Amino acid sequence: MGWIVLRGVQKDFGADTVIPPLDLEIEEGEFVVFVGPSGCGKSTLLRLIAGLEDVTRGAIEIDGVDATDAAPGKRGLAMVFQSYALYPHLTVAQNIAFPLRMAKLSKAEQQRRIDDAARVLNLTDYLDRLPKQLSGGQRQRVAIGRAIVREPSAFLFDEPLSNLDAALRVGMRLEISELHKRLDTTMIYVTHDQVEAMTMADKIVVLNAGLIEQVGSPLELYNAPQNLFVARFIGSPMMNILDGDAARAHDAAAIGIRPEHLILSAAEGTWSGTVGISEHLGSDTFVRVTLEGIDTPLTVRASGERHFRTGETVHLSPDLDKLHRFDRDGERIT
């Protein structure tokens, strides 16, 4: 269960097409992340799958059945939103049980599902509390619990961690990944944070202006971006991109090299430059180097033990086995 196929799906808002026709297949049990900048169409695409938006053209199949015109409640999916949307006057148990009461399940079955979800989400000791007595991470777990008890064929997450602080985001990211392994259920997760995408996904769908730029595993996208958009978007810090003479030397309109694939030397190298800002992160130091004749600085990943002076002259050489080449249209040259 949880096999989802989109065939030529398009979404228009009036005269504006926000999702041009696209095809996508999500396999049963996959953790798929839709990622892209704000306004790229990732949340709209998720809402189309959920049935919260109408498809303008095309078809959506869920487990082999055409669900294009099916009501949201008939699709067998459960959605977790950015806002927790908990009822403040209901306890944790009552919030989790809400969709079960609407479905008129027996009290015994409701209790079984509540207990199972609470155990999975470490909420057993909090079932009698009100939402105001919980942390942000606990509230998000309650919202996830309310989805779990529906026993859906797939979970849909719409930027569920964006309201949490940095430490809680990391913790909840791990919890959701572990939850996926325990439940072995299809999950589709929307985020603008490519670090979340890289660390959580089995498969990443990179969106840009409603178009799918690339689909693949995190390492496939990192090691072989199909175009300049993906090259710049995936990876933190982003890939360094050079054009002009540096690119022509490698028969390309543009070349890309990741910060960790630049070899830094005080003595010699392919390019010479001047050290700007250095960011010391403990294990790593990220050094900004401005090359002669190139306005945009390059970012170099160096050992955290190394220290650099602003204005110091250094030399850089790319690891040629890790160099990415792109043509005039920004597409990868293989």
C-alpha atoms as a PDB file:
ATOM      1  CA  MET A   1       0.000   0.000   0.000  1.00  0.00           C
ATOM      2  CA  GLY A   2       1.078   3.583  -0.655  1.00  0.00           C
ATOM      3  CA  TRP A   3       1.978   3.361  -4.359  1.00  0.00           C
ATOM      4  CA  ILE A   4       1.247   6.784  -5.879  1.00  0.00           C
ATOM      5  CA  VAL A   5       1.496   7.673  -9.578  1.00  0.00           C
ATOM      6  CA  LEU A   6       1.039  11.100 -11.164  1.00  0.00           C
ATOM      7  CA  ARG A   7       0.385  11.149 -14.904  1.00  0.00           C
ATOM      8  CA  GLY A   8       0.515  14.485 -16.721  1.00  0.00           C
ATOM      9  CA  VAL A   9      -0.684  16.321 -13.619  1.00  0.00           C
ATOM     10  CA  GLN A  10      -1.159  20.052 -14.172  1.00  0.00           C
ATOM     11  CA  LYS A  11      -2.472  22.797 -11.886  1.00  0.00           C
ATOM     12  CA  ASP A  12      -3.721  26.179 -13.048  1.00  0.00           C
ATOM     13  CA  PHE A  13      -4.867  29.075 -10.902  1.00  0.00           C
ATOM     14  CA  GLY A  14      -6.934  31.087 -13.340  1.00  0.00           C
ATOM     15  CA  ALA A  15      -4.745  31.888 -16.337  1.00  0.00           C
ATOM     16  CA  ASP A  16      -1.542  30.999 -14.452  1.00  0.00           C
ATOM     17  CA  THR A  17      -0.052  27.506 -14.669  1.00  0.00           C
ATOM     18  CA  VAL A  18       1.768  26.824 -11.394  1.00  0.00           C
ATOM     19  CA  ILE A  19       2.385  23.119 -12.033  1.00  0.00           C
ATOM     20  CA  PRO A  20       3.115  22.360 -15.710  1.00  0.00           C
ATOM     21  CA  PRO A  21       2.276  18.770 -16.738  1.00  0.00           C
ATOM     22  CA  LEU A  22       4.482  16.359 -14.811  1.00  0.00           C
ATOM     23  CA  ASP A  23       4.858  12.639 -14.264  1.00  0.00           C
ATOM     24  CA  LEU A  24       6.055  11.084 -11.022  1.00  0.00           C
ATOM     25  CA  GLU A  25       5.972   7.635  -9.420  1.00  0.00           C
ATOM     26  CA  ILE A  26       6.314   7.073  -5.683  1.00  0.00           C
ATOM     27  CA  GLU A  27       6.966   3.474  -4.737  1.00  0.00           C
ATOM     28  CA  GLU A  28       5.346   1.716  -1.807  1.00  0.00           C
ATOM     29  CA  GLY A  29       7.238   2.350   1.430  1.00  0.00           C
ATOM     30  CA  GLU A  30       9.479   5.119   0.033  1.00  0.00           C
ATOM     31  CA  PHE A  31      10.379   8.257   1.938  1.00  0.00           C
ATOM     32  CA  VAL A  32      10.129  10.911  -0.783  1.00  0.00           C
ATOM     33  CA  VAL A  33      11.020  14.559  -0.182  1.00  0.00           C
ATOM     34  CA  PHE A  34       9.767  17.424  -2.351  1.00  0.00           C
ATOM     35  CA  VAL A  35      12.344  20.206  -2.051  1.00  0.00           C
ATOM     36  CA  GLY A  36      12.817  23.575  -3.681  1.00  0.00           C
ATOM     37  CA  PRO A  37      12.762  27.312  -3.014  1.00  0.00           C
ATOM     38  CA  SER A  38       9.680  29.176  -1.829  1.00  0.00           C
ATOM     39  CA  GLY A  39       7.039  29.335  -4.541  1.00  0.00           C
ATOM     40  CA  CYS A  40       8.367  26.346  -6.495  1.00  0.00           C
ATOM     41  CA  GLY A  41       5.077  24.430  -6.223  1.00  0.00           C
ATOM     42  CA  LYS A  42       6.050  21.729  -3.731  1.00  0.00           C
ATOM     43  CA  SER A  43       3.181  22.349  -1.275  1.00  0.00           C
ATOM     44  CA  THR A  44       0.701  22.706  -4.140  1.00  0.00           C
ATOM     45  CA  LEU A  45       1.833  19.353  -5.523  1.00  0.00           C
ATOM     46  CA  LEU A  46       1.373  17.755  -2.101  1.00  0.00           C
ATOM     47  CA  ARG A  47      -2.122  19.250  -1.799  1.00  0.00           C
ATOM     48  CA  LEU A  48      -3.006  17.856  -5.226  1.00  0.00           C
ATOM     49  CA  ILE A  49      -2.035  14.382  -4.027  1.00  0.00           C
ATOM     50  CA  ALA A  50      -4.020  14.895  -0.813  1.00  0.00           C
ATOM     51  CA  GLY A  51      -7.101  16.083  -2.723  1.00  0.00           C
ATOM     52  CA  LEU A  52      -7.052  19.518  -1.092  1.00  0.00           C
ATOM     53  CA  GLU A  53      -6.593  21.091  -4.531  1.00  0.00           C
ATOM     54  CA  ASP A  54      -8.324  20.058  -7.759  1.00  0.00           C
ATOM     55  CA  VAL A  55      -6.228  18.774 -10.647  1.00  0.00           C
ATOM     56  CA  THR A  56      -6.609  20.903 -13.783  1.00  0.00           C
ATOM     57  CA  ARG A  57      -5.421  18.132 -16.099  1.00  0.00           C
ATOM     58  CA  GLY A  58      -3.922  14.687 -15.717  1.00  0.00           C
ATOM     59  CA  ALA A  59      -4.531  11.828 -13.291  1.00  0.00           C
ATOM     60  CA  ILE A  60      -3.482  10.668  -9.825  1.00  0.00           C
ATOM     61  CA  GLU A  61      -3.497   6.969  -9.007  1.00  0.00           C
ATOM     62  CA  ILE A  62      -3.227   5.591  -5.480  1.00  0.00           C
ATOM     63  CA  ASP A  63      -2.544   1.859  -5.202  1.00  0.00           C
ATOM     64  CA  GLY A  64      -3.633   1.360  -8.802  1.00  0.00           C
ATOM     65  CA  VAL A  65      -6.959   3.175  -8.413  1.00  0.00           C
ATOM     66  CA  ASP A  66      -7.774   6.485 -10.109  1.00  0.00           C
ATOM     67  CA  ALA A  67      -8.138   8.971  -7.242  1.00  0.00           C
ATOM     68  CA  THR A  68      -8.082  12.159  -9.329  1.00  0.00           C
ATOM     69  CA  ASP A  69     -11.596  13.194  -8.319  1.00  0.00           C
ATOM     70  CA  ALA A  70     -11.797  11.340  -4.994  1.00  0.00           C
ATOM     71  CA  ALA A  71     -12.523  13.351  -1.847  1.00  0.00           C
ATOM     72  CA  PRO A  72      -9.560  13.771   0.533  1.00  0.00           C
ATOM     73  CA  GLY A  73     -11.118  11.447   3.117  1.00  0.00           C
ATOM     74  CA  LYS A  74     -11.500   8.676   0.527  1.00  0.00           C
ATOM     75  CA  ARG A  75      -7.853   8.551  -0.556  1.00  0.00           C
ATOM     76  CA  GLY A  76      -6.464   6.644   2.419  1.00  0.00           C
ATOM     77  CA  LEU A  77      -3.873   9.347   3.117  1.00  0.00           C
ATOM     78  CA  ALA A  78      -3.076  11.297   6.290  1.00  0.00           C
ATOM     79  CA  MET A  79      -1.595  14.797   6.268  1.00  0.00           C
ATOM     80  CA  VAL A  80       0.525  16.557   8.897  1.00  0.00           C
ATOM     81  CA  PHE A  81       0.598  20.332   8.506  1.00  0.00           C
ATOM     82  CA  GLN A  82       3.110  23.036   9.386  1.00  0.00           C
ATOM     83  CA  SER A  83       0.800  24.249  12.145  1.00  0.00           C
ATOM     84  CA  TYR A  84      -0.003  21.624  14.759  1.00  0.00           C
ATOM     85  CA  ALA A  85      -3.759  22.410  14.514  1.00  0.00           C
ATOM     86  CA  LEU A  86      -4.441  20.847  17.921  1.00  0.00           C
ATOM     87  CA  TYR A  87      -7.648  21.521  19.853  1.00  0.00           C
ATOM     88  CA  PRO A  88      -6.478  23.475  22.928  1.00  0.00           C
ATOM     89  CA  HIS A  89      -9.350  22.274  25.153  1.00  0.00           C
ATOM     90  CA  LEU A  90      -8.747  18.575  24.403  1.00  0.00           C
ATOM     91  CA  THR A  91      -6.136  16.355  26.009  1.00  0.00           C
ATOM     92  CA  VAL A  92      -3.397  14.662  24.018  1.00  0.00           C
ATOM     93  CA  ALA A  93      -5.413  11.437  23.962  1.00  0.00           C
ATOM     94  CA  GLN A  94      -8.533  13.255  22.810  1.00  0.00           C
ATOM     95  CA  ASN A  95      -6.624  15.107  20.075  1.00  0.00           C
ATOM     96  CA  ILE A  96      -5.131  11.874  18.787  1.00  0.00           C
ATOM     97  CA  ALA A  97      -8.522  10.169  18.904  1.00  0.00           C
ATOM     98  CA  PHE A  98     -10.398  12.927  17.077  1.00  0.00           C
ATOM     99  CA  PRO A  99     -10.370  11.337  13.566  1.00  0.00           C
ATOM    100  CA  LEU A 100     -11.345   7.990  15.126  1.00  0.00           C
ATOM    101  CA  ARG A 101     -14.390   9.516  16.777  1.00  0.00           C
ATOM    102  CA  MET A 102     -15.370  11.103  13.471  1.00  0.00           C
ATOM    103  CA  ALA A 103     -15.079   7.645  11.872  1.00  0.00           C
ATOM    104  CA  LYS A 104     -17.282   6.234  14.686  1.00  0.00           C
ATOM    105  CA  LEU A 105     -14.845   3.482  15.643  1.00  0.00           C
ATOM    106  CA  SER A 106     -15.591   1.546  18.805  1.00  0.00           C
ATOM    107  CA  LYS A 107     -14.115   2.850  22.056  1.00  0.00           C
ATOM    108  CA  ALA A 108     -11.999  -0.286  22.375  1.00  0.00           C
ATOM    109  CA  GLU A 109     -10.517   0.182  18.891  1.00  0.00           C
ATOM    110  CA  GLN A 110      -9.939   3.875  19.552  1.00  0.00           C
ATOM    111  CA  GLN A 111      -8.045   3.075  22.740  1.00  0.00           C
ATOM    112  CA  ARG A 112      -5.927   0.437  21.015  1.00  0.00           C
ATOM    113  CA  ARG A 113      -4.859   2.846  18.299  1.00  0.00           C
ATOM    114  CA  ILE A 114      -4.218   5.688  20.770  1.00  0.00           C
ATOM    115  CA  ASP A 115      -2.039   3.443  22.923  1.00  0.00           C
ATOM    116  CA  ASP A 116      -0.121   2.136  19.898  1.00  0.00           C
ATOM    117  CA  ALA A 117       0.544   5.641  18.536  1.00  0.00           C
ATOM    118  CA  ALA A 118       1.524   6.989  21.966  1.00  0.00           C
ATOM    119  CA  ARG A 119       3.996   4.155  22.446  1.00  0.00           C
ATOM    120  CA  VAL A 120       5.584   4.719  19.023  1.00  0.00           C
ATOM    121  CA  LEU A 121       5.863   8.478  19.623  1.00  0.00           C
ATOM    122  CA  ASN A 122       6.887   8.372  23.310  1.00  0.00           C
ATOM    123  CA  LEU A 123       3.694  10.147  24.351  1.00  0.00           C
ATOM    124  CA  THR A 124       2.322   7.597  26.800  1.00  0.00           C
ATOM    125  CA  ASP A 125       3.132   9.751  29.830  1.00  0.00           C
ATOM    126  CA  TYR A 126       1.505  12.824  28.270  1.00  0.00           C
ATOM    127  CA  LEU A 127      -1.913  11.507  27.227  1.00  0.00           C
ATOM    128  CA  ASP A 128      -3.776  13.438  29.951  1.00  0.00           C
ATOM    129  CA  ARG A 129      -2.044  16.770  29.287  1.00  0.00           C
ATOM    130  CA  LEU A 130      -3.390  19.718  27.318  1.00  0.00           C
ATOM    131  CA  PRO A 131      -1.435  21.080  24.324  1.00  0.00           C
ATOM    132  CA  LYS A 132      -0.383  24.195  26.274  1.00  0.00           C
ATOM    133  CA  GLN A 133       1.490  21.905  28.685  1.00  0.00           C
ATOM    134  CA  LEU A 134       3.675  20.471  25.897  1.00  0.00           C
ATOM    135  CA  SER A 135       6.818  21.609  24.103  1.00  0.00           C
ATOM    136  CA  GLY A 136       6.764  22.387  20.378  1.00  0.00           C
ATOM    137  CA  GLY A 137       8.293  19.027  19.546  1.00  0.00           C
ATOM    138  CA  GLN A 138       5.746  17.185  21.682  1.00  0.00           C
ATOM    139  CA  ARG A 139       2.882  19.044  20.015  1.00  0.00           C
ATOM    140  CA  GLN A 140       4.201  18.032  16.616  1.00  0.00           C
ATOM    141  CA  ARG A 141       4.357  14.421  17.782  1.00  0.00           C
ATOM    142  CA  VAL A 142       0.696  14.666  18.812  1.00  0.00           C
ATOM    143  CA  ALA A 143      -0.160  15.932  15.324  1.00  0.00           C
ATOM    144  CA  ILE A 144       1.743  12.979  13.852  1.00  0.00           C
ATOM    145  CA  GLY A 145      -0.057  10.648  16.258  1.00  0.00           C
ATOM    146  CA  ARG A 146      -3.394  11.900  14.997  1.00  0.00           C
ATOM    147  CA  ALA A 147      -2.243  10.877  11.502  1.00  0.00           C
ATOM    148  CA  ILE A 148      -0.870   7.496  12.609  1.00  0.00           C
ATOM    149  CA  VAL A 149      -4.133   6.311  14.188  1.00  0.00           C
ATOM    150  CA  ARG A 150      -5.861   6.604  10.827  1.00  0.00           C
ATOM    151  CA  GLU A 151      -3.544   3.808   9.607  1.00  0.00           C
ATOM    152  CA  PRO A 152      -3.152   5.435   6.169  1.00  0.00           C
ATOM    153  CA  SER A 153      -1.489   3.998   3.108  1.00  0.00           C
ATOM    154  CA  ALA A 154       0.765   7.094   2.998  1.00  0.00           C
ATOM    155  CA  PHE A 155       1.663  10.073   5.179  1.00  0.00           C
ATOM    156  CA  LEU A 156       1.935  13.576   3.723  1.00  0.00           C
ATOM    157  CA  PHE A 157       4.070  16.092   5.660  1.00  0.00           C
ATOM    158  CA  ASP A 158       3.877  19.787   4.727  1.00  0.00           C
ATOM    159  CA  GLU A 159       6.952  21.498   6.266  1.00  0.00           C
ATOM    160  CA  PRO A 160       6.143  20.008   9.690  1.00  0.00           C
ATOM    161  CA  LEU A 161       9.300  21.257  11.427  1.00  0.00           C
ATOM    162  CA  SER A 162       9.395  24.872  10.273  1.00  0.00           C
ATOM    163  CA  ASN A 163       7.921  26.176  13.555  1.00  0.00           C
ATOM    164  CA  LEU A 164      10.581  24.494  15.696  1.00  0.00           C
ATOM    165  CA  ASP A 165      13.945  25.864  16.800  1.00  0.00           C
ATOM    166  CA  ALA A 166      17.157  24.437  15.351  1.00  0.00           C
ATOM    167  CA  ALA A 167      17.809  21.850  18.074  1.00  0.00           C
ATOM    168  CA  LEU A 168      14.222  20.555  18.016  1.00  0.00           C
ATOM    169  CA  ARG A 169      14.292  20.373  14.230  1.00  0.00           C
ATOM    170  CA  VAL A 170      17.288  18.039  14.333  1.00  0.00           C
ATOM    171  CA  GLY A 171      15.651  15.858  16.980  1.00  0.00           C
ATOM    172  CA  MET A 172      12.311  15.651  15.183  1.00  0.00           C
ATOM    173  CA  ARG A 173      14.063  14.967  11.889  1.00  0.00           C
ATOM    174  CA  LEU A 174      15.598  11.856  13.437  1.00  0.00           C
ATOM    175  CA  GLU A 175      12.304  10.854  15.054  1.00  0.00           C
ATOM    176  CA  ILE A 176      10.394  11.057  11.763  1.00  0.00           C
ATOM    177  CA  SER A 177      13.094   9.034   9.985  1.00  0.00           C
ATOM    178  CA  GLU A 178      12.955   6.379  12.717  1.00  0.00           C
ATOM    179  CA  LEU A 179       9.156   6.419  12.546  1.00  0.00           C
ATOM    180  CA  HIS A 180       9.318   5.684   8.830  1.00  0.00           C
ATOM    181  CA  LYS A 181      11.506   2.658   9.478  1.00  0.00           C
ATOM    182  CA  ARG A 182       9.159   1.351  12.192  1.00  0.00           C
ATOM    183  CA  LEU A 183       5.938   1.854  10.241  1.00  0.00           C
ATOM    184  CA  ASP A 184       7.382   0.969   6.801  1.00  0.00           C
ATOM    185  CA  THR A 185       4.743   3.231   5.235  1.00  0.00           C
ATOM    186  CA  THR A 186       5.073   5.600   2.277  1.00  0.00           C
ATOM    187  CA  MET A 187       5.905   9.150   3.362  1.00  0.00           C
ATOM    188  CA  ILE A 188       5.948  12.296   1.228  1.00  0.00           C
ATOM    189  CA  TYR A 189       7.638  15.220   2.923  1.00  0.00           C
ATOM    190  CA  VAL A 190       7.748  18.847   1.775  1.00  0.00           C
ATOM    191  CA  THR A 191      10.574  21.169   2.844  1.00  0.00           C
ATOM    192  CA  HIS A 192      12.584  24.129   1.568  1.00  0.00           C
ATOM    193  CA  ASP A 193      15.543  22.893   3.649  1.00  0.00           C
ATOM    194  CA  GLN A 194      17.865  20.820   1.473  1.00  0.00           C
ATOM    195  CA  VAL A 195      19.674  19.510   4.594  1.00  0.00           C
ATOM    196  CA  GLU A 196      16.399  17.897   5.705  1.00  0.00           C
ATOM    197  CA  ALA A 197      15.984  16.479   2.222  1.00  0.00           C
ATOM    198  CA  MET A 198      19.506  15.034   2.137  1.00  0.00           C
ATOM    199  CA  THR A 199      19.333  13.458   5.589  1.00  0.00           C
ATOM    200  CA  MET A 200      15.807  12.015   5.469  1.00  0.00           C
ATOM    201  CA  ALA A 201      14.934  10.978   1.925  1.00  0.00           C
ATOM    202  CA  ASP A 202      15.139   7.726   0.047  1.00  0.00           C
ATOM    203  CA  LYS A 203      14.297   9.789  -3.026  1.00  0.00           C
ATOM    204  CA  ILE A 204      14.404  13.556  -3.561  1.00  0.00           C
ATOM    205  CA  VAL A 205      12.243  15.446  -6.055  1.00  0.00           C
ATOM    206  CA  VAL A 206      13.792  18.862  -6.792  1.00  0.00           C
ATOM    207  CA  LEU A 207      11.185  21.385  -7.954  1.00  0.00           C
ATOM    208  CA  ASN A 208      11.684  24.766  -9.589  1.00  0.00           C
ATOM    209  CA  ALA A 209       8.795  26.934 -10.831  1.00  0.00           C
ATOM    210  CA  GLY A 210       6.550  23.864 -10.823  1.00  0.00           C
ATOM    211  CA  LEU A 211       8.949  21.795 -12.918  1.00  0.00           C
ATOM    212  CA  ILE A 212      10.749  18.676 -11.743  1.00  0.00           C
ATOM    213  CA  GLU A 213      14.443  19.415 -12.236  1.00  0.00           C
ATOM    214  CA  GLN A 214      15.715  16.022 -11.053  1.00  0.00           C
ATOM    215  CA  VAL A 215      14.595  12.921  -9.177  1.00  0.00           C
ATOM    216  CA  GLY A 216      17.037  10.638  -7.418  1.00  0.00           C
ATOM    217  CA  SER A 217      18.641   9.506  -4.198  1.00  0.00           C
ATOM    218  CA  PRO A 218      20.419  12.141  -2.080  1.00  0.00           C
ATOM    219  CA  LEU A 219      23.851  10.948  -3.217  1.00  0.00           C
ATOM    220  CA  GLU A 220      22.799  10.817  -6.876  1.00  0.00           C
ATOM    221  CA  LEU A 221      21.745  14.463  -6.732  1.00  0.00           C
ATOM    222  CA  TYR A 222      24.844  15.473  -4.781  1.00  0.00           C
ATOM    223  CA  ASN A 223      27.338  13.626  -6.951  1.00  0.00           C
ATOM    224  CA  ALA A 224      25.679  14.071 -10.346  1.00  0.00           C
ATOM    225  CA  PRO A 225      23.366  17.122 -10.505  1.00  0.00           C
ATOM    226  CA  GLN A 226      21.636  17.222 -13.874  1.00  0.00           C
ATOM    227  CA  ASN A 227      21.758  21.000 -14.215  1.00  0.00           C
ATOM    228  CA  LEU A 228      23.037  24.192 -12.619  1.00  0.00           C
ATOM    229  CA  PHE A 229      19.865  24.691 -10.583  1.00  0.00           C
ATOM    230  CA  VAL A 230      20.254  21.346  -8.802  1.00  0.00           C
ATOM    231  CA  ALA A 231      24.013  21.863  -8.480  1.00  0.00           C
ATOM    232  CA  ARG A 232      23.469  25.154  -6.664  1.00  0.00           C
ATOM    233  CA  PHE A 233      20.491  24.021  -4.590  1.00  0.00           C
ATOM    234  CA  ILE A 234      21.742  20.689  -3.262  1.00  0.00           C
ATOM    235  CA  GLY A 235      24.681  20.896  -0.884  1.00  0.00           C
ATOM    236  CA  SER A 236      25.576  23.173   2.013  1.00  0.00           C
ATOM    237  CA  PRO A 237      27.616  25.244   1.392  1.00  0.00           C
ATOM    238  CA  MET A 238      26.497  25.270  -2.231  1.00  0.00           C
ATOM    239  CA  MET A 239      28.648  24.128  -5.113  1.00  0.00           C
ATOM    240  CA  ASN A 240      31.130  26.679  -6.486  1.00  0.00           C
ATOM    241  CA  ILE A 241      30.315  27.621 -10.088  1.00  0.00           C
ATOM    242  CA  LEU A 242      32.846  29.195 -12.471  1.00  0.00           C
ATOM    243  CA  ASP A 243      32.516  30.275 -16.083  1.00  0.00           C
ATOM    244  CA  GLY A 244      34.806  32.143 -18.472  1.00  0.00           C
ATOM    245  CA  ASP A 245      38.370  30.940 -18.980  1.00  0.00           C
ATOM    246  CA  ALA A 246      38.180  28.452 -16.100  1.00  0.00           C
ATOM    247  CA  ALA A 247      35.229  26.703 -17.748  1.00  0.00           C
ATOM    248  CA  ARG A 248      36.589  26.903 -21.302  1.00  0.00           C
ATOM    249  CA  ALA A 249      39.727  25.127 -20.114  1.00  0.00           C
ATOM    250  CA  HIS A 250      37.464  22.124 -19.503  1.00  0.00           C
ATOM    251  CA  ASP A 251      35.363  22.495 -22.690  1.00  0.00           C
ATOM    252  CA  ALA A 252      32.299  23.726 -20.832  1.00  0.00           C
ATOM    253  CA  ALA A 253      30.181  26.873 -20.498  1.00  0.00           C
ATOM    254  CA  ALA A 254      30.370  26.497 -16.714  1.00  0.00           C
ATOM    255  CA  ILE A 255      32.093  24.195 -14.268  1.00  0.00           C
ATOM    256  CA  GLY A 256      31.204  23.299 -10.701  1.00  0.00           C
ATOM    257  CA  ILE A 257      33.300  22.092  -7.792  1.00  0.00           C
ATOM    258  CA  ARG A 258      32.164  21.434  -4.252  1.00  0.00           C
ATOM    259  CA  PRO A 259      34.014  23.104  -1.327  1.00  0.00           C
ATOM    260  CA  GLU A 260      35.475  19.802  -0.121  1.00  0.00           C
ATOM    261  CA  HIS A 261      36.885  19.041  -3.586  1.00  0.00           C
ATOM    262  CA  LEU A 262      39.151  22.092  -3.727  1.00  0.00           C
ATOM    263  CA  ILE A 263      42.734  21.485  -2.653  1.00  0.00           C
ATOM    264  CA  LEU A 264      44.154  24.501  -0.825  1.00  0.00           C
ATOM    265  CA  SER A 265      47.885  25.235  -0.775  1.00  0.00           C
ATOM    266  CA  ALA A 266      50.062  28.146   0.286  1.00  0.00           C
ATOM    267  CA  ALA A 267      52.641  27.280  -2.388  1.00  0.00           C
ATOM    268  CA  GLU A 268      51.067  26.383  -5.735  1.00  0.00           C
ATOM    269  CA  GLY A 269      47.829  25.526  -7.476  1.00  0.00           C
ATOM    270  CA  THR A 270      45.637  25.959 -10.555  1.00  0.00           C
ATOM    271  CA  TRP A 271      44.164  29.257  -9.350  1.00  0.00           C
ATOM    272  CA  SER A 272      45.489  32.013  -7.090  1.00  0.00           C
ATOM    273  CA  GLY A 273      43.297  34.039  -4.760  1.00  0.00           C
ATOM    274  CA  THR A 274      42.946  36.094  -1.629  1.00  0.00           C
ATOM    275  CA  VAL A 275      41.430  34.899   1.641  1.00  0.00           C
ATOM    276  CA  GLY A 276      38.296  36.720   2.801  1.00  0.00           C
ATOM    277  CA  ILE A 277      35.963  35.589   5.577  1.00  0.00           C
ATOM    278  CA  SER A 278      36.647  32.282   7.355  1.00  0.00           C
ATOM    279  CA  GLU A 279      33.935  30.393   9.224  1.00  0.00           C
ATOM    280  CA  HIS A 280      35.276  28.155  11.991  1.00  0.00           C
ATOM    281  CA  LEU A 281      32.875  25.319  12.806  1.00  0.00           C
ATOM    282  CA  GLY A 282      35.116  23.132  14.959  1.00  0.00           C
ATOM    283  CA  SER A 283      35.783  20.131  12.761  1.00  0.00           C
ATOM    284  CA  ASP A 284      35.760  22.238   9.588  1.00  0.00           C
ATOM    285  CA  THR A 285      36.712  25.717   8.470  1.00  0.00           C
ATOM    286  CA  PHE A 286      34.967  27.225   5.462  1.00  0.00           C
ATOM    287  CA  VAL A 287      37.219  29.768   3.749  1.00  0.00           C
ATOM    288  CA  ARG A 288      36.017  32.327   1.208  1.00  0.00           C
ATOM    289  CA  VAL A 289      38.643  32.891  -1.463  1.00  0.00           C
ATOM    290  CA  THR A 290      38.405  35.558  -4.170  1.00  0.00           C
ATOM    291  CA  LEU A 291      40.215  34.508  -7.334  1.00  0.00           C
ATOM    292  CA  GLU A 292      42.079  36.908  -9.572  1.00  0.00           C
ATOM    293  CA  GLY A 293      39.681  38.269 -12.216  1.00  0.00           C
ATOM    294  CA  ILE A 294      36.595  36.575 -10.728  1.00  0.00           C
ATOM    295  CA  ASP A 295      34.098  38.584  -8.678  1.00  0.00           C
ATOM    296  CA  THR A 296      32.274  35.758  -6.893  1.00  0.00           C
ATOM    297  CA  PRO A 297      34.358  34.186  -4.076  1.00  0.00           C
ATOM    298  CA  LEU A 298      34.798  30.425  -3.888  1.00  0.00           C
ATOM    299  CA  THR A 299      34.082  28.498  -0.699  1.00  0.00           C
ATOM    300  CA  VAL A 300      36.755  26.004   0.357  1.00  0.00           C
ATOM    301  CA  ARG A 301      36.293  23.367   3.027  1.00  0.00           C
ATOM    302  CA  ALA A 302      39.456  22.997   5.101  1.00  0.00           C
ATOM    303  CA  SER A 303      40.399  21.286   8.344  1.00  0.00           C
ATOM    304  CA  GLY A 304      39.124  22.972  11.475  1.00  0.00           C
ATOM    305  CA  GLU A 305      42.714  23.039  12.717  1.00  0.00           C
ATOM    306  CA  ARG A 306      43.807  25.419   9.983  1.00  0.00           C
ATOM    307  CA  HIS A 307      43.700  29.192  10.384  1.00  0.00           C
ATOM    308  CA  PHE A 308      43.836  31.792   7.642  1.00  0.00           C
ATOM    309  CA  ARG A 309      44.478  35.516   7.671  1.00  0.00           C
ATOM    310  CA  THR A 310      42.219  37.877   5.764  1.00  0.00           C
ATOM    311  CA  GLY A 311      44.123  39.088   2.705  1.00  0.00           C
ATOM    312  CA  GLU A 312      46.476  36.097   2.677  1.00  0.00           C
ATOM    313  CA  THR A 313      47.339  34.755  -0.792  1.00  0.00           C
ATOM    314  CA  VAL A 314      46.498  31.080  -1.330  1.00  0.00           C
ATOM    315  CA  HIS A 315      46.356  28.662  -4.255  1.00  0.00           C
ATOM    316  CA  LEU A 316      43.501  26.330  -5.182  1.00  0.00           C
ATOM    317  CA  SER A 317      43.338  23.231  -7.357  1.00  0.00           C
ATOM    318  CA  PRO A 318      40.118  21.337  -8.165  1.00  0.00           C
ATOM    319  CA  ASP A 319      39.984  17.563  -7.812  1.00  0.00           C
ATOM    320  CA  LEU A 320      39.449  16.864 -11.510  1.00  0.00           C
ATOM    321  CA  ASP A 321      37.625  13.599 -10.792  1.00  0.00           C
ATOM    322  CA  LYS A 322      35.019  15.637  -8.904  1.00  0.00           C
ATOM    323  CA  LEU A 323      34.626  18.444 -11.441  1.00  0.00           C
ATOM    324  CA  HIS A 324      31.145  19.008 -12.908  1.00  0.00           C
ATOM    325  CA  ARG A 325      30.733  20.423 -16.431  1.00  0.00           C
ATOM    326  CA  PHE A 326      27.644  22.199 -17.784  1.00  0.00           C
ATOM    327  CA  ASP A 327      26.680  23.375 -21.286  1.00  0.00           C
ATOM    328  CA  ARG A 328      25.253  26.732 -22.384  1.00  0.00           C
ATOM    329  CA  ASP A 329      21.765  25.658 -21.310  1.00  0.00           C
ATOM    330  CA  GLY A 330      23.004  24.771 -17.839  1.00  0.00           C
ATOM    331  CA  GLU A 331      22.614  21.027 -18.446  1.00  0.00           C
ATOM    332  CA  ARG A 332      25.159  18.489 -17.259  1.00  0.00           C
ATOM    333  CA  ILE A 333      27.826  17.380 -19.737  1.00  0.00           C
ATOM    334  CA  THR A 334      28.615  13.704 -19.221  1.00  0.00           C
END
